[in-house]
Amino acid sequence: MTTQTTARPANLKLLRASVALQTAAVFLQSVTSGLMMTLPYGHVLHSAGSYTLWVVTVVHVVAAVLAWRPGGGSPQSIWFAAGFLALITAQVYSGLFHLTALHVPLAAALLVASVVYLFKIRR
């Protein structure tokens, strides 16, 4: 029982850090989307950021599982992380196939969802 209580704060810190990193990456993607329209190499930055964001979201899923199972936290974090991963994957594909009508609104929704969840999880 002592390992579970000592592991819980560390796992929760990892979850909070991964959500904060994910939120920052989503925000940076909105910056690089603007750069993509103004700079000749902006698309390279936006593309690299999208794959980075996907990896950060996978880390968020792992952190959510660790905060739930060994940490004794709520499984609700896993559902949010898995849903966010599915939406980020759809976002990457909509960008690859130039589906701007889906890509831009989904990006805005992902930014809002990530910020709201960051504030929720920090409480």
PDB file of N, CA and C in Angstrom:
ATOM      1  N   MET A   1       0.818  -1.186   0.000  1.00  0.00           N
ATOM      2  CA  MET A   1       0.000   0.000   0.000  1.00  0.00           C
ATOM      3  C   MET A   1       0.864   1.253   0.000  1.00  0.00           C
ATOM      4  N   THR A   2       2.008   1.209   0.610  1.00  0.00           N
ATOM      5  CA  THR A   2       2.852   2.401   0.627  1.00  0.00           C
ATOM      6  C   THR A   2       3.396   2.723  -0.761  1.00  0.00           C
ATOM      7  N   THR A   3       3.635   1.703  -1.596  1.00  0.00           N
ATOM      8  CA  THR A   3       4.100   1.994  -2.950  1.00  0.00           C
ATOM      9  C   THR A   3       3.024   2.682  -3.772  1.00  0.00           C
ATOM     10  N   GLN A   4       1.764   2.319  -3.538  1.00  0.00           N
ATOM     11  CA  GLN A   4       0.695   2.946  -4.302  1.00  0.00           C
ATOM     12  C   GLN A   4       0.545   4.422  -3.912  1.00  0.00           C
ATOM     13  N   THR A   5       0.641   4.736  -2.641  1.00  0.00           N
ATOM     14  CA  THR A   5       0.495   6.133  -2.245  1.00  0.00           C
ATOM     15  C   THR A   5       1.700   6.962  -2.660  1.00  0.00           C
ATOM     16  N   THR A   6       2.895   6.363  -2.714  1.00  0.00           N
ATOM     17  CA  THR A   6       4.057   7.130  -3.166  1.00  0.00           C
ATOM     18  C   THR A   6       4.077   7.246  -4.686  1.00  0.00           C
ATOM     19  N   ALA A   7       3.520   6.261  -5.390  1.00  0.00           N
ATOM     20  CA  ALA A   7       3.513   6.318  -6.853  1.00  0.00           C
ATOM     21  C   ALA A   7       2.440   7.266  -7.376  1.00  0.00           C
ATOM     22  N   ARG A   8       1.374   7.444  -6.628  1.00  0.00           N
ATOM     23  CA  ARG A   8       0.257   8.240  -7.122  1.00  0.00           C
ATOM     24  C   ARG A   8       0.619   9.697  -7.426  1.00  0.00           C
ATOM     25  N   PRO A   9       1.267  10.425  -6.527  1.00  0.00           N
ATOM     26  CA  PRO A   9       1.614  11.810  -6.876  1.00  0.00           C
ATOM     27  C   PRO A   9       2.558  11.900  -8.072  1.00  0.00           C
ATOM     28  N   ALA A  10       3.492  10.971  -8.187  1.00  0.00           N
ATOM     29  CA  ALA A  10       4.416  10.995  -9.322  1.00  0.00           C
ATOM     30  C   ALA A  10       3.676  10.730 -10.623  1.00  0.00           C
ATOM     31  N   ASN A  11       2.756   9.784 -10.610  1.00  0.00           N
ATOM     32  CA  ASN A  11       1.992   9.483 -11.817  1.00  0.00           C
ATOM     33  C   ASN A  11       1.063  10.631 -12.186  1.00  0.00           C
ATOM     34  N   LEU A  12       0.503  11.288 -11.186  1.00  0.00           N
ATOM     35  CA  LEU A  12      -0.361  12.430 -11.448  1.00  0.00           C
ATOM     36  C   LEU A  12       0.452  13.606 -11.994  1.00  0.00           C
ATOM     37  N   LYS A  13       1.669  13.779 -11.484  1.00  0.00           N
ATOM     38  CA  LYS A  13       2.540  14.832 -12.016  1.00  0.00           C
ATOM     39  C   LYS A  13       2.897  14.550 -13.475  1.00  0.00           C
ATOM     40  N   LEU A  14       3.156  13.278 -13.790  1.00  0.00           N
ATOM     41  CA  LEU A  14       3.450  12.899 -15.170  1.00  0.00           C
ATOM     42  C   LEU A  14       2.249  13.183 -16.069  1.00  0.00           C
ATOM     43  N   LEU A  15       1.056  12.881 -15.584  1.00  0.00           N
ATOM     44  CA  LEU A  15      -0.161  13.150 -16.360  1.00  0.00           C
ATOM     45  C   LEU A  15      -0.331  14.649 -16.583  1.00  0.00           C
ATOM     46  N   ARG A  16      -0.156  15.433 -15.544  1.00  0.00           N
ATOM     47  CA  ARG A  16      -0.292  16.887 -15.673  1.00  0.00           C
ATOM     48  C   ARG A  16       0.756  17.458 -16.630  1.00  0.00           C
ATOM     49  N   ALA A  17       1.976  16.953 -16.518  1.00  0.00           N
ATOM     50  CA  ALA A  17       3.044  17.434 -17.399  1.00  0.00           C
ATOM     51  C   ALA A  17       2.763  17.077 -18.851  1.00  0.00           C
ATOM     52  N   SER A  18       2.256  15.865 -19.092  1.00  0.00           N
ATOM     53  CA  SER A  18       1.979  15.461 -20.472  1.00  0.00           C
ATOM     54  C   SER A  18       0.830  16.272 -21.067  1.00  0.00           C
ATOM     55  N   VAL A  19      -0.167  16.605 -20.259  1.00  0.00           N
ATOM     56  CA  VAL A  19      -1.278  17.429 -20.751  1.00  0.00           C
ATOM     57  C   VAL A  19      -0.788  18.850 -21.022  1.00  0.00           C
ATOM     58  N   ALA A  20       0.078  19.373 -20.159  1.00  0.00           N
ATOM     59  CA  ALA A  20       0.621  20.716 -20.382  1.00  0.00           C
ATOM     60  C   ALA A  20       1.469  20.754 -21.649  1.00  0.00           C
ATOM     61  N   LEU A  21       2.280  19.725 -21.843  1.00  0.00           N
ATOM     62  CA  LEU A  21       3.104  19.646 -23.052  1.00  0.00           C
ATOM     63  C   LEU A  21       2.228  19.514 -24.296  1.00  0.00           C
ATOM     64  N   GLN A  22       1.184  18.725 -24.196  1.00  0.00           N
ATOM     65  CA  GLN A  22       0.253  18.552 -25.314  1.00  0.00           C
ATOM     66  C   GLN A  22      -0.434  19.874 -25.650  1.00  0.00           C
ATOM     67  N   THR A  23      -0.856  20.610 -24.648  1.00  0.00           N
ATOM     68  CA  THR A  23      -1.511  21.895 -24.873  1.00  0.00           C
ATOM     69  C   THR A  23      -0.554  22.883 -25.534  1.00  0.00           C
ATOM     70  N   ALA A  24       0.678  22.892 -25.068  1.00  0.00           N
ATOM     71  CA  ALA A  24       1.684  23.770 -25.678  1.00  0.00           C
ATOM     72  C   ALA A  24       1.943  23.373 -27.134  1.00  0.00           C
ATOM     73  N   ALA A  25       1.982  22.078 -27.402  1.00  0.00           N
ATOM     74  CA  ALA A  25       2.216  21.615 -28.776  1.00  0.00           C
ATOM     75  C   ALA A  25       1.043  21.981 -29.688  1.00  0.00           C
ATOM     76  N   VAL A  26      -0.182  21.864 -29.183  1.00  0.00           N
ATOM     77  CA  VAL A  26      -1.346  22.252 -29.989  1.00  0.00           C
ATOM     78  C   VAL A  26      -1.291  23.749 -30.291  1.00  0.00           C
ATOM     79  N   PHE A  27      -0.925  24.548 -29.289  1.00  0.00           N
ATOM     80  CA  PHE A  27      -0.819  25.985 -29.501  1.00  0.00           C
ATOM     81  C   PHE A  27       0.269  26.304 -30.527  1.00  0.00           C
ATOM     82  N   LEU A  28       1.417  25.631 -30.413  1.00  0.00           N
ATOM     83  CA  LEU A  28       2.500  25.857 -31.379  1.00  0.00           C
ATOM     84  C   LEU A  28       2.080  25.478 -32.791  1.00  0.00           C
ATOM     85  N   GLN A  29       1.209  24.485 -32.917  1.00  0.00           N
ATOM     86  CA  GLN A  29       0.713  24.109 -34.236  1.00  0.00           C
ATOM     87  C   GLN A  29      -0.096  25.238 -34.868  1.00  0.00           C
ATOM     88  N   SER A  30      -0.825  25.970 -34.041  1.00  0.00           N
ATOM     89  CA  SER A  30      -1.570  27.104 -34.605  1.00  0.00           C
ATOM     90  C   SER A  30      -0.607  28.199 -35.062  1.00  0.00           C
ATOM     91  N   VAL A  31       0.504  28.344 -34.366  1.00  0.00           N
ATOM     92  CA  VAL A  31       1.518  29.317 -34.782  1.00  0.00           C
ATOM     93  C   VAL A  31       2.173  28.873 -36.088  1.00  0.00           C
ATOM     94  N   THR A  32       2.531  27.598 -36.165  1.00  0.00           N
ATOM     95  CA  THR A  32       3.190  27.124 -37.383  1.00  0.00           C
ATOM     96  C   THR A  32       2.233  27.095 -38.574  1.00  0.00           C
ATOM     97  N   SER A  33       0.926  26.994 -38.320  1.00  0.00           N
ATOM     98  CA  SER A  33      -0.012  27.062 -39.449  1.00  0.00           C
ATOM     99  C   SER A  33       0.015  28.462 -40.064  1.00  0.00           C
ATOM    100  N   GLY A  34       0.153  29.468 -39.227  1.00  0.00           N
ATOM    101  CA  GLY A  34       0.293  30.824 -39.750  1.00  0.00           C
ATOM    102  C   GLY A  34       1.606  31.003 -40.487  1.00  0.00           C
ATOM    103  N   LEU A  35       2.674  30.407 -39.945  1.00  0.00           N
ATOM    104  CA  LEU A  35       3.972  30.478 -40.619  1.00  0.00           C
ATOM    105  C   LEU A  35       3.933  29.760 -41.965  1.00  0.00           C
ATOM    106  N   MET A  36       3.134  28.713 -42.024  1.00  0.00           N
ATOM    107  CA  MET A  36       3.020  27.952 -43.264  1.00  0.00           C
ATOM    108  C   MET A  36       2.467  28.824 -44.394  1.00  0.00           C
ATOM    109  N   MET A  37       1.632  29.759 -44.028  1.00  0.00           N
ATOM    110  CA  MET A  37       1.033  30.628 -45.032  1.00  0.00           C
ATOM    111  C   MET A  37       1.934  31.802 -45.418  1.00  0.00           C
ATOM    112  N   THR A  38       2.922  32.104 -44.583  1.00  0.00           N
ATOM    113  CA  THR A  38       3.741  33.287 -44.841  1.00  0.00           C
ATOM    114  C   THR A  38       5.187  32.979 -45.210  1.00  0.00           C
ATOM    115  N   LEU A  39       5.703  31.841 -44.792  1.00  0.00           N
ATOM    116  CA  LEU A  39       7.096  31.504 -45.060  1.00  0.00           C
ATOM    117  C   LEU A  39       7.201  30.349 -46.050  1.00  0.00           C
ATOM    118  N   PRO A  40       8.239  30.324 -46.863  1.00  0.00           N
ATOM    119  CA  PRO A  40       8.370  29.225 -47.825  1.00  0.00           C
ATOM    120  C   PRO A  40       8.630  27.868 -47.161  1.00  0.00           C
ATOM    121  N   TYR A  41       9.217  27.844 -45.984  1.00  0.00           N
ATOM    122  CA  TYR A  41       9.504  26.582 -45.308  1.00  0.00           C
ATOM    123  C   TYR A  41       8.541  26.330 -44.136  1.00  0.00           C
ATOM    124  N   GLY A  42       7.493  27.114 -44.033  1.00  0.00           N
ATOM    125  CA  GLY A  42       6.548  26.977 -42.934  1.00  0.00           C
ATOM    126  C   GLY A  42       5.865  25.631 -42.885  1.00  0.00           C
ATOM    127  N   HIS A  43       5.639  25.024 -44.053  1.00  0.00           N
ATOM    128  CA  HIS A  43       4.982  23.713 -44.073  1.00  0.00           C
ATOM    129  C   HIS A  43       5.846  22.648 -43.414  1.00  0.00           C
ATOM    130  N   VAL A  44       7.162  22.797 -43.468  1.00  0.00           N
ATOM    131  CA  VAL A  44       8.065  21.835 -42.823  1.00  0.00           C
ATOM    132  C   VAL A  44       7.898  21.907 -41.300  1.00  0.00           C
ATOM    133  N   LEU A  45       7.830  23.129 -40.776  1.00  0.00           N
ATOM    134  CA  LEU A  45       7.624  23.305 -39.336  1.00  0.00           C
ATOM    135  C   LEU A  45       6.274  22.749 -38.894  1.00  0.00           C
ATOM    136  N   HIS A  46       5.238  23.008 -39.682  1.00  0.00           N
ATOM    137  CA  HIS A  46       3.901  22.526 -39.338  1.00  0.00           C
ATOM    138  C   HIS A  46       3.832  21.003 -39.403  1.00  0.00           C
ATOM    139  N   SER A  47       4.475  20.424 -40.379  1.00  0.00           N
ATOM    140  CA  SER A  47       4.494  18.968 -40.504  1.00  0.00           C
ATOM    141  C   SER A  47       5.256  18.326 -39.348  1.00  0.00           C
ATOM    142  N   ALA A  48       6.418  18.864 -39.024  1.00  0.00           N
ATOM    143  CA  ALA A  48       7.200  18.319 -37.903  1.00  0.00           C
ATOM    144  C   ALA A  48       6.434  18.467 -36.593  1.00  0.00           C
ATOM    145  N   GLY A  49       5.745  19.586 -36.442  1.00  0.00           N
ATOM    146  CA  GLY A  49       4.953  19.799 -35.240  1.00  0.00           C
ATOM    147  C   GLY A  49       3.797  18.826 -35.115  1.00  0.00           C
ATOM    148  N   SER A  50       3.210  18.455 -36.243  1.00  0.00           N
ATOM    149  CA  SER A  50       2.072  17.530 -36.182  1.00  0.00           C
ATOM    150  C   SER A  50       2.498  16.149 -35.704  1.00  0.00           C
ATOM    151  N   TYR A  51       3.624  15.683 -36.191  1.00  0.00           N
ATOM    152  CA  TYR A  51       4.106  14.372 -35.738  1.00  0.00           C
ATOM    153  C   TYR A  51       4.590  14.433 -34.294  1.00  0.00           C
ATOM    154  N   THR A  52       5.174  15.551 -33.910  1.00  0.00           N
ATOM    155  CA  THR A  52       5.575  15.733 -32.513  1.00  0.00           C
ATOM    156  C   THR A  52       4.351  15.723 -31.608  1.00  0.00           C
ATOM    157  N   LEU A  53       3.318  16.420 -32.012  1.00  0.00           N
ATOM    158  CA  LEU A  53       2.078  16.447 -31.235  1.00  0.00           C
ATOM    159  C   LEU A  53       1.481  15.048 -31.119  1.00  0.00           C
ATOM    160  N   TRP A  54       1.549  14.268 -32.175  1.00  0.00           N
ATOM    161  CA  TRP A  54       1.007  12.906 -32.118  1.00  0.00           C
ATOM    162  C   TRP A  54       1.779  12.076 -31.091  1.00  0.00           C
ATOM    163  N   VAL A  55       3.096  12.186 -31.089  1.00  0.00           N
ATOM    164  CA  VAL A  55       3.918  11.433 -30.122  1.00  0.00           C
ATOM    165  C   VAL A  55       3.633  11.903 -28.696  1.00  0.00           C
ATOM    166  N   VAL A  56       3.498  13.204 -28.502  1.00  0.00           N
ATOM    167  CA  VAL A  56       3.179  13.743 -27.175  1.00  0.00           C
ATOM    168  C   VAL A  56       1.818  13.225 -26.713  1.00  0.00           C
ATOM    169  N   THR A  57       0.885  13.085 -27.619  1.00  0.00           N
ATOM    170  CA  THR A  57      -0.434  12.571 -27.265  1.00  0.00           C
ATOM    171  C   THR A  57      -0.367  11.092 -26.891  1.00  0.00           C
ATOM    172  N   VAL A  58       0.497  10.323 -27.535  1.00  0.00           N
ATOM    173  CA  VAL A  58       0.705   8.918 -27.139  1.00  0.00           C
ATOM    174  C   VAL A  58       1.289   8.869 -25.727  1.00  0.00           C
ATOM    175  N   VAL A  59       2.222   9.756 -25.431  1.00  0.00           N
ATOM    176  CA  VAL A  59       2.771   9.837 -24.070  1.00  0.00           C
ATOM    177  C   VAL A  59       1.664  10.186 -23.074  1.00  0.00           C
ATOM    178  N   HIS A  60       0.745  11.056 -23.483  1.00  0.00           N
ATOM    179  CA  HIS A  60      -0.392  11.408 -22.623  1.00  0.00           C
ATOM    180  C   HIS A  60      -1.251  10.174 -22.337  1.00  0.00           C
ATOM    181  N   VAL A  61      -1.468   9.336 -23.326  1.00  0.00           N
ATOM    182  CA  VAL A  61      -2.245   8.103 -23.113  1.00  0.00           C
ATOM    183  C   VAL A  61      -1.532   7.208 -22.104  1.00  0.00           C
ATOM    184  N   VAL A  62      -0.230   7.031 -22.266  1.00  0.00           N
ATOM    185  CA  VAL A  62       0.543   6.196 -21.336  1.00  0.00           C
ATOM    186  C   VAL A  62       0.486   6.789 -19.925  1.00  0.00           C
ATOM    187  N   ALA A  63       0.634   8.096 -19.811  1.00  0.00           N
ATOM    188  CA  ALA A  63       0.580   8.748 -18.501  1.00  0.00           C
ATOM    189  C   ALA A  63      -0.798   8.586 -17.860  1.00  0.00           C
ATOM    190  N   ALA A  64      -1.850   8.641 -18.665  1.00  0.00           N
ATOM    191  CA  ALA A  64      -3.204   8.463 -18.135  1.00  0.00           C
ATOM    192  C   ALA A  64      -3.401   7.046 -17.600  1.00  0.00           C
ATOM    193  N   VAL A  65      -2.862   6.067 -18.312  1.00  0.00           N
ATOM    194  CA  VAL A  65      -2.955   4.676 -17.843  1.00  0.00           C
ATOM    195  C   VAL A  65      -2.166   4.503 -16.548  1.00  0.00           C
ATOM    196  N   LEU A  66      -0.983   5.092 -16.483  1.00  0.00           N
ATOM    197  CA  LEU A  66      -0.172   4.981 -15.274  1.00  0.00           C
ATOM    198  C   LEU A  66      -0.814   5.703 -14.087  1.00  0.00           C
ATOM    199  N   ALA A  67      -1.476   6.809 -14.336  1.00  0.00           N
ATOM    200  CA  ALA A  67      -2.152   7.525 -13.253  1.00  0.00           C
ATOM    201  C   ALA A  67      -3.382   6.765 -12.778  1.00  0.00           C
ATOM    202  N   TRP A  68      -3.974   5.976 -13.667  1.00  0.00           N
ATOM    203  CA  TRP A  68      -5.173   5.224 -13.297  1.00  0.00           C
ATOM    204  C   TRP A  68      -4.830   3.922 -12.597  1.00  0.00           C
ATOM    205  N   ARG A  69      -4.133   3.034 -13.283  1.00  0.00           N
ATOM    206  CA  ARG A  69      -3.962   1.679 -12.775  1.00  0.00           C
ATOM    207  C   ARG A  69      -3.038   1.598 -11.563  1.00  0.00           C
ATOM    208  N   PRO A  70      -1.750   1.865 -11.710  1.00  0.00           N
ATOM    209  CA  PRO A  70      -0.912   1.769 -10.516  1.00  0.00           C
ATOM    210  C   PRO A  70      -1.097   2.949  -9.568  1.00  0.00           C
ATOM    211  N   GLY A  71      -1.549   4.065 -10.094  1.00  0.00           N
ATOM    212  CA  GLY A  71      -1.663   5.265  -9.274  1.00  0.00           C
ATOM    213  C   GLY A  71      -2.965   5.389  -8.519  1.00  0.00           C
ATOM    214  N   GLY A  72      -3.966   4.625  -8.913  1.00  0.00           N
ATOM    215  CA  GLY A  72      -5.251   4.673  -8.218  1.00  0.00           C
ATOM    216  C   GLY A  72      -6.122   5.851  -8.601  1.00  0.00           C
ATOM    217  N   GLY A  73      -5.847   6.472  -9.744  1.00  0.00           N
ATOM    218  CA  GLY A  73      -6.630   7.622 -10.190  1.00  0.00           C
ATOM    219  C   GLY A  73      -7.881   7.200 -10.930  1.00  0.00           C
ATOM    220  N   SER A  74      -8.529   8.175 -11.534  1.00  0.00           N
ATOM    221  CA  SER A  74      -9.772   7.941 -12.258  1.00  0.00           C
ATOM    222  C   SER A  74      -9.492   7.454 -13.683  1.00  0.00           C
ATOM    223  N   PRO A  75     -10.297   6.506 -14.185  1.00  0.00           N
ATOM    224  CA  PRO A  75     -10.123   6.072 -15.577  1.00  0.00           C
ATOM    225  C   PRO A  75     -10.633   7.095 -16.588  1.00  0.00           C
ATOM    226  N   GLN A  76     -11.254   8.167 -16.121  1.00  0.00           N
ATOM    227  CA  GLN A  76     -11.772   9.200 -17.012  1.00  0.00           C
ATOM    228  C   GLN A  76     -10.643   9.828 -17.839  1.00  0.00           C
ATOM    229  N   SER A  77      -9.459   9.933 -17.261  1.00  0.00           N
ATOM    230  CA  SER A  77      -8.315  10.506 -17.976  1.00  0.00           C
ATOM    231  C   SER A  77      -7.939   9.674 -19.191  1.00  0.00           C
ATOM    232  N   ILE A  78      -8.124   8.371 -19.088  1.00  0.00           N
ATOM    233  CA  ILE A  78      -7.792   7.487 -20.210  1.00  0.00           C
ATOM    234  C   ILE A  78      -8.741   7.754 -21.376  1.00  0.00           C
ATOM    235  N   TRP A  79     -10.011   7.937 -21.079  1.00  0.00           N
ATOM    236  CA  TRP A  79     -10.979   8.197 -22.145  1.00  0.00           C
ATOM    237  C   TRP A  79     -10.668   9.501 -22.858  1.00  0.00           C
ATOM    238  N   PHE A  80     -10.306  10.534 -22.092  1.00  0.00           N
ATOM    239  CA  PHE A  80      -9.958  11.797 -22.727  1.00  0.00           C
ATOM    240  C   PHE A  80      -8.699  11.631 -23.571  1.00  0.00           C
ATOM    241  N   ALA A  81      -7.686  10.966 -23.035  1.00  0.00           N
ATOM    242  CA  ALA A  81      -6.429  10.803 -23.762  1.00  0.00           C
ATOM    243  C   ALA A  81      -6.628   9.976 -25.032  1.00  0.00           C
ATOM    244  N   ALA A  82      -7.397   8.909 -24.944  1.00  0.00           N
ATOM    245  CA  ALA A  82      -7.644   8.062 -26.113  1.00  0.00           C
ATOM    246  C   ALA A  82      -8.467   8.811 -27.165  1.00  0.00           C
ATOM    247  N   GLY A  83      -9.459   9.552 -26.721  1.00  0.00           N
ATOM    248  CA  GLY A  83     -10.251  10.354 -27.658  1.00  0.00           C
ATOM    249  C   GLY A  83      -9.416  11.431 -28.324  1.00  0.00           C
ATOM    250  N   PHE A  84      -8.541  12.051 -27.548  1.00  0.00           N
ATOM    251  CA  PHE A  84      -7.673  13.077 -28.107  1.00  0.00           C
ATOM    252  C   PHE A  84      -6.710  12.462 -29.112  1.00  0.00           C
ATOM    253  N   LEU A  85      -6.208  11.266 -28.816  1.00  0.00           N
ATOM    254  CA  LEU A  85      -5.319  10.583 -29.762  1.00  0.00           C
ATOM    255  C   LEU A  85      -6.054  10.277 -31.062  1.00  0.00           C
ATOM    256  N   ALA A  86      -7.294   9.832 -30.962  1.00  0.00           N
ATOM    257  CA  ALA A  86      -8.077   9.549 -32.172  1.00  0.00           C
ATOM    258  C   ALA A  86      -8.290  10.826 -32.988  1.00  0.00           C
ATOM    259  N   LEU A  87      -8.597  11.927 -32.304  1.00  0.00           N
ATOM    260  CA  LEU A  87      -8.816  13.187 -33.015  1.00  0.00           C
ATOM    261  C   LEU A  87      -7.522  13.746 -33.606  1.00  0.00           C
ATOM    262  N   ILE A  88      -6.407  13.576 -32.900  1.00  0.00           N
ATOM    263  CA  ILE A  88      -5.118  14.028 -33.436  1.00  0.00           C
ATOM    264  C   ILE A  88      -4.754  13.206 -34.665  1.00  0.00           C
ATOM    265  N   THR A  89      -5.035  11.921 -34.620  1.00  0.00           N
ATOM    266  CA  THR A  89      -4.768  11.065 -35.781  1.00  0.00           C
ATOM    267  C   THR A  89      -5.621  11.513 -36.966  1.00  0.00           C
ATOM    268  N   ALA A  90      -6.896  11.801 -36.717  1.00  0.00           N
ATOM    269  CA  ALA A  90      -7.762  12.320 -37.784  1.00  0.00           C
ATOM    270  C   ALA A  90      -7.249  13.667 -38.282  1.00  0.00           C
ATOM    271  N   GLN A  91      -6.728  14.470 -37.384  1.00  0.00           N
ATOM    272  CA  GLN A  91      -6.193  15.775 -37.748  1.00  0.00           C
ATOM    273  C   GLN A  91      -4.975  15.632 -38.656  1.00  0.00           C
ATOM    274  N   VAL A  92      -4.094  14.704 -38.331  1.00  0.00           N
ATOM    275  CA  VAL A  92      -2.908  14.475 -39.160  1.00  0.00           C
ATOM    276  C   VAL A  92      -3.329  14.030 -40.563  1.00  0.00           C
ATOM    277  N   TYR A  93      -4.252  13.084 -40.625  1.00  0.00           N
ATOM    278  CA  TYR A  93      -4.693  12.601 -41.936  1.00  0.00           C
ATOM    279  C   TYR A  93      -5.443  13.671 -42.727  1.00  0.00           C
ATOM    280  N   SER A  94      -6.259  14.472 -42.058  1.00  0.00           N
ATOM    281  CA  SER A  94      -6.962  15.528 -42.784  1.00  0.00           C
ATOM    282  C   SER A  94      -5.980  16.569 -43.316  1.00  0.00           C
ATOM    283  N   GLY A  95      -4.880  16.770 -42.601  1.00  0.00           N
ATOM    284  CA  GLY A  95      -3.835  17.665 -43.107  1.00  0.00           C
ATOM    285  C   GLY A  95      -3.075  17.067 -44.271  1.00  0.00           C
ATOM    286  N   LEU A  96      -2.765  15.775 -44.169  1.00  0.00           N
ATOM    287  CA  LEU A  96      -2.036  15.103 -45.251  1.00  0.00           C
ATOM    288  C   LEU A  96      -2.838  15.105 -46.552  1.00  0.00           C
ATOM    289  N   PHE A  97      -4.150  14.966 -46.437  1.00  0.00           N
ATOM    290  CA  PHE A  97      -5.004  14.916 -47.620  1.00  0.00           C
ATOM    291  C   PHE A  97      -5.612  16.275 -47.969  1.00  0.00           C
ATOM    292  N   HIS A  98      -5.096  17.332 -47.326  1.00  0.00           N
ATOM    293  CA  HIS A  98      -5.508  18.715 -47.619  1.00  0.00           C
ATOM    294  C   HIS A  98      -7.021  18.926 -47.501  1.00  0.00           C
ATOM    295  N   LEU A  99      -7.611  18.354 -46.457  1.00  0.00           N
ATOM    296  CA  LEU A  99      -9.039  18.529 -46.195  1.00  0.00           C
ATOM    297  C   LEU A  99      -9.211  19.721 -45.253  1.00  0.00           C
ATOM    298  N   THR A 100      -8.992  20.907 -45.776  1.00  0.00           N
ATOM    299  CA  THR A 100      -8.961  22.130 -44.978  1.00  0.00           C
ATOM    300  C   THR A 100     -10.278  22.379 -44.260  1.00  0.00           C
ATOM    301  N   ALA A 101     -11.385  22.044 -44.890  1.00  0.00           N
ATOM    302  CA  ALA A 101     -12.694  22.268 -44.282  1.00  0.00           C
ATOM    303  C   ALA A 101     -12.872  21.453 -42.997  1.00  0.00           C
ATOM    304  N   LEU A 102     -12.163  20.356 -42.849  1.00  0.00           N
ATOM    305  CA  LEU A 102     -12.181  19.556 -41.622  1.00  0.00           C
ATOM    306  C   LEU A 102     -10.996  19.917 -40.726  1.00  0.00           C
ATOM    307  N   HIS A 103      -9.855  20.162 -41.340  1.00  0.00           N
ATOM    308  CA  HIS A 103      -8.608  20.359 -40.614  1.00  0.00           C
ATOM    309  C   HIS A 103      -8.634  21.606 -39.716  1.00  0.00           C
ATOM    310  N   VAL A 104      -9.094  22.712 -40.225  1.00  0.00           N
ATOM    311  CA  VAL A 104      -9.055  23.974 -39.478  1.00  0.00           C
ATOM    312  C   VAL A 104     -10.033  23.974 -38.294  1.00  0.00           C
ATOM    313  N   PRO A 105     -11.310  23.601 -38.467  1.00  0.00           N
ATOM    314  CA  PRO A 105     -12.206  23.588 -37.302  1.00  0.00           C
ATOM    315  C   PRO A 105     -11.800  22.546 -36.256  1.00  0.00           C
ATOM    316  N   LEU A 106     -11.294  21.410 -36.717  1.00  0.00           N
ATOM    317  CA  LEU A 106     -10.847  20.390 -35.779  1.00  0.00           C
ATOM    318  C   LEU A 106      -9.655  20.896 -34.971  1.00  0.00           C
ATOM    319  N   ALA A 107      -8.783  21.659 -35.596  1.00  0.00           N
ATOM    320  CA  ALA A 107      -7.641  22.230 -34.885  1.00  0.00           C
ATOM    321  C   ALA A 107      -8.109  23.175 -33.781  1.00  0.00           C
ATOM    322  N   ALA A 108      -9.086  24.001 -34.089  1.00  0.00           N
ATOM    323  CA  ALA A 108      -9.618  24.917 -33.078  1.00  0.00           C
ATOM    324  C   ALA A 108     -10.267  24.152 -31.925  1.00  0.00           C
ATOM    325  N   ALA A 109     -11.007  23.113 -32.256  1.00  0.00           N
ATOM    326  CA  ALA A 109     -11.655  22.300 -31.218  1.00  0.00           C
ATOM    327  C   ALA A 109     -10.617  21.591 -30.344  1.00  0.00           C
ATOM    328  N   LEU A 110      -9.549  21.104 -30.957  1.00  0.00           N
ATOM    329  CA  LEU A 110      -8.502  20.433 -30.191  1.00  0.00           C
ATOM    330  C   LEU A 110      -7.791  21.397 -29.245  1.00  0.00           C
ATOM    331  N   LEU A 111      -7.555  22.609 -29.695  1.00  0.00           N
ATOM    332  CA  LEU A 111      -6.913  23.599 -28.832  1.00  0.00           C
ATOM    333  C   LEU A 111      -7.798  23.926 -27.638  1.00  0.00           C
ATOM    334  N   VAL A 112      -9.067  24.166 -27.881  1.00  0.00           N
ATOM    335  CA  VAL A 112      -9.991  24.485 -26.787  1.00  0.00           C
ATOM    336  C   VAL A 112     -10.105  23.295 -25.834  1.00  0.00           C
ATOM    337  N   ALA A 113     -10.256  22.095 -26.356  1.00  0.00           N
ATOM    338  CA  ALA A 113     -10.396  20.912 -25.508  1.00  0.00           C
ATOM    339  C   ALA A 113      -9.152  20.686 -24.650  1.00  0.00           C
ATOM    340  N   SER A 114      -7.993  20.882 -25.235  1.00  0.00           N
ATOM    341  CA  SER A 114      -6.760  20.673 -24.490  1.00  0.00           C
ATOM    342  C   SER A 114      -6.593  21.705 -23.376  1.00  0.00           C
ATOM    343  N   VAL A 115      -6.917  22.962 -23.654  1.00  0.00           N
ATOM    344  CA  VAL A 115      -6.816  24.005 -22.633  1.00  0.00           C
ATOM    345  C   VAL A 115      -7.818  23.759 -21.502  1.00  0.00           C
ATOM    346  N   VAL A 116      -9.045  23.393 -21.856  1.00  0.00           N
ATOM    347  CA  VAL A 116     -10.064  23.117 -20.838  1.00  0.00           C
ATOM    348  C   VAL A 116      -9.634  21.941 -19.969  1.00  0.00           C
ATOM    349  N   TYR A 117      -9.121  20.888 -20.584  1.00  0.00           N
ATOM    350  CA  TYR A 117      -8.692  19.725 -19.806  1.00  0.00           C
ATOM    351  C   TYR A 117      -7.476  20.060 -18.946  1.00  0.00           C
ATOM    352  N   LEU A 118      -6.583  20.900 -19.450  1.00  0.00           N
ATOM    353  CA  LEU A 118      -5.422  21.304 -18.649  1.00  0.00           C
ATOM    354  C   LEU A 118      -5.875  22.028 -17.382  1.00  0.00           C
ATOM    355  N   PHE A 119      -6.833  22.940 -17.510  1.00  0.00           N
ATOM    356  CA  PHE A 119      -7.337  23.637 -16.327  1.00  0.00           C
ATOM    357  C   PHE A 119      -8.062  22.669 -15.381  1.00  0.00           C
ATOM    358  N   LYS A 120      -8.779  21.725 -15.953  1.00  0.00           N
ATOM    359  CA  LYS A 120      -9.514  20.761 -15.132  1.00  0.00           C
ATOM    360  C   LYS A 120      -8.565  19.869 -14.347  1.00  0.00           C
ATOM    361  N   ILE A 121      -7.521  19.410 -14.987  1.00  0.00           N
ATOM    362  CA  ILE A 121      -6.621  18.456 -14.342  1.00  0.00           C
ATOM    363  C   ILE A 121      -5.681  19.135 -13.339  1.00  0.00           C
ATOM    364  N   ARG A 122      -5.484  20.416 -13.484  1.00  0.00           N
ATOM    365  CA  ARG A 122      -4.619  21.131 -12.538  1.00  0.00           C
ATOM    366  C   ARG A 122      -5.309  21.399 -11.213  1.00  0.00           C
ATOM    367  N   ARG A 123      -6.643  21.285 -11.174  1.00  0.00           N
ATOM    368  CA  ARG A 123      -7.369  21.475  -9.916  1.00  0.00           C
ATOM    369  C   ARG A 123      -7.222  20.287  -9.021  1.00  0.00           C
TER     370      ARG A 123
END
